[in-house]
């Protein structure tokens, strides 16, 4: 999707700052890595037994990746991976 006005239910949208993003995602359980000036935040949910989000959708895993450059969100992808 290339809609620059798209916004998730948590208010995540292109252009928000990394600091704003961290307050909106509702978790500190993520991985962060920076490479060539781009910071990638990965949220990987895979504990179906203890995760109410996964249980609500009856899905075993959920993956979200967010890319920041110069402190601003430039790309994000999320969803339930399929084999």
N, C-alpha and C. Protein backbone atom coordinates (compact mmCIF):
# COMPACT_ATOMS: atom_id res chain seq x y z
N UNK A 1 0.85 -1.17 0.00
CA UNK A 1 0.00 0.00 0.00
C UNK A 1 0.90 1.24 0.00
N UNK A 2 0.55 2.20 -0.77
CA UNK A 2 1.36 3.41 -0.85
C UNK A 2 0.60 4.65 -0.38
N UNK A 3 -0.49 4.47 0.33
CA UNK A 3 -1.30 5.58 0.82
C UNK A 3 -0.57 6.27 1.97
N UNK A 4 -0.09 7.48 1.75
CA UNK A 4 0.67 8.21 2.76
C UNK A 4 -0.20 8.71 3.91
N UNK A 5 -1.51 8.64 3.76
CA UNK A 5 -2.42 9.07 4.81
C UNK A 5 -2.93 7.92 5.66
N UNK A 6 -2.51 6.68 5.33
CA UNK A 6 -2.95 5.52 6.09
C UNK A 6 -2.49 5.65 7.54
N UNK A 7 -3.38 5.30 8.46
CA UNK A 7 -3.09 5.37 9.90
C UNK A 7 -3.65 4.12 10.56
N UNK A 8 -2.84 3.48 11.42
CA UNK A 8 -3.32 2.30 12.13
C UNK A 8 -4.24 2.73 13.28
N UNK A 9 -4.87 1.75 13.91
CA UNK A 9 -5.76 2.06 15.03
C UNK A 9 -5.01 2.65 16.22
N UNK A 10 -3.71 2.48 16.26
CA UNK A 10 -2.89 3.09 17.33
C UNK A 10 -2.30 4.44 16.92
N UNK A 11 -2.64 4.89 15.72
CA UNK A 11 -2.17 6.19 15.27
C UNK A 11 -0.80 6.18 14.61
N UNK A 12 -0.33 5.00 14.22
CA UNK A 12 0.96 4.91 13.53
C UNK A 12 0.74 5.30 12.07
N UNK A 13 1.56 6.22 11.59
CA UNK A 13 1.49 6.64 10.19
C UNK A 13 2.85 7.13 9.75
N UNK A 14 3.05 7.16 8.44
CA UNK A 14 4.32 7.64 7.90
C UNK A 14 4.60 9.05 8.41
N UNK A 15 5.87 9.30 8.73
CA UNK A 15 6.28 10.63 9.14
C UNK A 15 6.34 10.86 10.63
N UNK A 16 5.72 9.96 11.44
CA UNK A 16 5.78 10.19 12.89
C UNK A 16 7.21 9.96 13.38
N UNK A 17 7.53 10.58 14.50
CA UNK A 17 8.88 10.44 15.05
C UNK A 17 9.02 9.11 15.76
N UNK A 18 10.26 8.68 15.93
CA UNK A 18 10.55 7.45 16.65
C UNK A 18 10.05 7.53 18.09
N UNK A 19 10.20 8.69 18.70
CA UNK A 19 9.75 8.87 20.08
C UNK A 19 8.22 8.73 20.18
N UNK A 20 7.50 9.35 19.27
CA UNK A 20 6.04 9.24 19.24
C UNK A 20 5.63 7.80 18.99
N UNK A 21 6.30 7.15 18.08
CA UNK A 21 6.02 5.76 17.77
C UNK A 21 6.12 4.90 19.03
N UNK A 22 7.19 5.07 19.79
CA UNK A 22 7.40 4.25 20.98
C UNK A 22 6.29 4.45 22.01
N UNK A 23 5.72 5.63 22.08
CA UNK A 23 4.62 5.86 23.03
C UNK A 23 3.31 5.25 22.53
N UNK A 24 3.17 5.10 21.22
CA UNK A 24 1.92 4.61 20.64
C UNK A 24 1.84 3.09 20.50
N UNK A 25 2.98 2.40 20.41
CA UNK A 25 2.90 0.97 20.10
C UNK A 25 2.43 0.11 21.27
N UNK A 26 2.54 0.60 22.47
CA UNK A 26 1.99 -0.12 23.61
C UNK A 26 2.82 -1.28 24.11
N UNK A 27 4.06 -1.37 23.68
CA UNK A 27 4.93 -2.43 24.17
C UNK A 27 6.39 -1.97 24.15
N UNK A 28 7.17 -2.56 25.02
CA UNK A 28 8.62 -2.34 24.98
C UNK A 28 9.31 -3.61 24.52
N UNK A 29 8.51 -4.60 24.12
CA UNK A 29 9.02 -5.88 23.67
C UNK A 29 9.25 -5.84 22.15
N UNK A 30 10.35 -5.22 21.74
CA UNK A 30 10.69 -5.13 20.33
C UNK A 30 12.21 -5.17 20.18
N UNK A 31 12.64 -5.45 18.95
CA UNK A 31 14.06 -5.44 18.63
C UNK A 31 14.34 -4.20 17.80
N UNK A 32 15.51 -3.62 18.03
CA UNK A 32 15.90 -2.42 17.29
C UNK A 32 17.30 -2.60 16.74
N UNK A 33 17.47 -2.23 15.48
CA UNK A 33 18.81 -2.25 14.89
C UNK A 33 18.93 -1.09 13.91
N UNK A 34 20.13 -0.53 13.86
CA UNK A 34 20.38 0.59 12.94
C UNK A 34 21.47 0.19 11.96
N UNK A 35 21.20 0.44 10.70
CA UNK A 35 22.14 0.09 9.63
C UNK A 35 22.05 1.16 8.55
N UNK A 36 23.18 1.75 8.21
CA UNK A 36 23.25 2.78 7.15
C UNK A 36 22.27 3.92 7.39
N UNK A 37 22.13 4.34 8.64
CA UNK A 37 21.29 5.47 8.96
C UNK A 37 19.80 5.18 9.06
N UNK A 38 19.42 3.90 8.92
CA UNK A 38 18.01 3.51 9.02
C UNK A 38 17.85 2.62 10.25
N UNK A 39 16.92 3.01 11.11
CA UNK A 39 16.61 2.21 12.30
C UNK A 39 15.40 1.35 12.01
N UNK A 40 15.56 0.04 12.26
CA UNK A 40 14.47 -0.91 12.04
C UNK A 40 13.99 -1.41 13.40
N UNK A 41 12.69 -1.27 13.63
CA UNK A 41 12.05 -1.78 14.84
C UNK A 41 11.21 -2.99 14.42
N UNK A 42 11.44 -4.11 15.08
CA UNK A 42 10.70 -5.33 14.78
C UNK A 42 9.92 -5.78 16.00
N UNK A 43 8.64 -6.04 15.79
CA UNK A 43 7.79 -6.62 16.83
C UNK A 43 7.37 -7.99 16.31
N UNK A 44 7.75 -9.02 17.05
CA UNK A 44 7.48 -10.40 16.64
C UNK A 44 6.74 -11.09 17.78
N UNK A 45 5.46 -11.28 17.60
CA UNK A 45 4.64 -11.95 18.61
C UNK A 45 4.49 -13.41 18.22
N UNK A 46 4.81 -14.32 19.14
CA UNK A 46 4.70 -15.74 18.81
C UNK A 46 4.37 -16.63 20.02
N UNK A 47 3.89 -16.04 21.09
CA UNK A 47 3.53 -16.79 22.29
C UNK A 47 2.00 -16.86 22.39
N UNK A 48 1.42 -17.71 21.55
CA UNK A 48 -0.04 -17.78 21.46
C UNK A 48 -0.69 -18.05 22.82
N UNK A 49 -0.10 -18.90 23.62
CA UNK A 49 -0.69 -19.29 24.90
C UNK A 49 -0.88 -18.10 25.84
N UNK A 50 0.05 -17.12 25.78
CA UNK A 50 0.02 -16.00 26.71
C UNK A 50 -0.28 -14.64 26.07
N UNK A 51 -0.55 -14.62 24.79
CA UNK A 51 -0.75 -13.33 24.10
C UNK A 51 -2.21 -13.16 23.71
N UNK A 52 -2.89 -12.23 24.34
CA UNK A 52 -4.32 -12.01 24.09
C UNK A 52 -4.59 -11.53 22.66
N UNK A 53 -3.66 -10.78 22.07
CA UNK A 53 -3.81 -10.30 20.69
C UNK A 53 -3.86 -11.50 19.74
N UNK A 54 -2.90 -12.41 19.86
CA UNK A 54 -2.87 -13.59 18.99
C UNK A 54 -4.11 -14.45 19.22
N UNK A 55 -4.51 -14.59 20.46
CA UNK A 55 -5.70 -15.39 20.78
C UNK A 55 -6.96 -14.77 20.16
N UNK A 56 -7.05 -13.45 20.21
CA UNK A 56 -8.23 -12.77 19.67
C UNK A 56 -8.41 -13.03 18.18
N UNK A 57 -7.29 -13.14 17.45
CA UNK A 57 -7.34 -13.39 16.01
C UNK A 57 -7.13 -14.86 15.67
N UNK A 58 -6.90 -15.68 16.70
CA UNK A 58 -6.64 -17.11 16.52
C UNK A 58 -5.52 -17.36 15.51
N UNK A 59 -4.44 -16.62 15.69
CA UNK A 59 -3.27 -16.73 14.81
C UNK A 59 -2.04 -17.04 15.66
N UNK A 60 -1.13 -17.87 15.15
CA UNK A 60 0.03 -18.27 15.95
C UNK A 60 1.14 -17.21 16.04
N UNK A 61 1.23 -16.33 15.05
CA UNK A 61 2.30 -15.31 15.05
C UNK A 61 1.81 -14.01 14.41
N UNK A 62 2.53 -12.95 14.73
CA UNK A 62 2.28 -11.63 14.15
C UNK A 62 3.64 -10.95 14.02
N UNK A 63 3.87 -10.30 12.90
CA UNK A 63 5.15 -9.63 12.66
C UNK A 63 4.90 -8.22 12.16
N UNK A 64 5.62 -7.27 12.75
CA UNK A 64 5.54 -5.87 12.30
C UNK A 64 6.96 -5.32 12.21
N UNK A 65 7.25 -4.61 11.13
CA UNK A 65 8.56 -3.98 10.94
C UNK A 65 8.36 -2.52 10.58
N UNK A 66 9.10 -1.67 11.27
CA UNK A 66 9.00 -0.22 11.09
C UNK A 66 10.39 0.33 10.81
N UNK A 67 10.52 1.16 9.79
CA UNK A 67 11.81 1.71 9.38
C UNK A 67 11.81 3.23 9.55
N UNK A 68 12.82 3.73 10.23
CA UNK A 68 12.96 5.15 10.51
C UNK A 68 14.25 5.69 9.92
N UNK A 69 14.16 6.83 9.31
CA UNK A 69 15.34 7.54 8.80
C UNK A 69 15.25 8.98 9.27
N UNK A 70 16.34 9.49 9.80
CA UNK A 70 16.36 10.84 10.36
C UNK A 70 15.26 11.02 11.41
N UNK A 71 14.99 9.94 12.15
CA UNK A 71 14.03 10.00 13.24
C UNK A 71 12.57 9.96 12.83
N UNK A 72 12.29 9.72 11.55
CA UNK A 72 10.90 9.71 11.05
C UNK A 72 10.58 8.37 10.40
N UNK A 73 9.34 7.91 10.59
CA UNK A 73 8.89 6.65 10.00
C UNK A 73 8.77 6.80 8.49
N UNK A 74 9.48 5.92 7.75
CA UNK A 74 9.46 6.01 6.29
C UNK A 74 8.77 4.80 5.64
N UNK A 75 8.77 3.66 6.32
CA UNK A 75 8.15 2.45 5.79
C UNK A 75 7.65 1.62 6.97
N UNK A 76 6.50 0.98 6.82
CA UNK A 76 6.12 -0.02 7.81
C UNK A 76 5.28 -1.12 7.16
N UNK A 77 5.48 -2.32 7.68
CA UNK A 77 4.79 -3.51 7.20
C UNK A 77 4.35 -4.31 8.42
N UNK A 78 3.15 -4.86 8.37
CA UNK A 78 2.68 -5.64 9.51
C UNK A 78 1.64 -6.65 9.07
N UNK A 79 1.51 -7.69 9.87
CA UNK A 79 0.48 -8.67 9.57
C UNK A 79 0.80 -10.05 10.13
N UNK A 80 -0.02 -10.99 9.74
CA UNK A 80 0.12 -12.37 10.17
C UNK A 80 0.83 -13.12 9.04
N UNK A 81 2.08 -13.55 9.30
CA UNK A 81 2.83 -14.26 8.25
C UNK A 81 2.12 -15.55 7.83
N UNK A 82 2.22 -15.85 6.57
CA UNK A 82 1.66 -17.10 6.04
C UNK A 82 2.80 -17.96 5.53
N UNK A 83 2.64 -19.26 5.67
CA UNK A 83 3.73 -20.17 5.22
C UNK A 83 3.90 -20.18 3.73
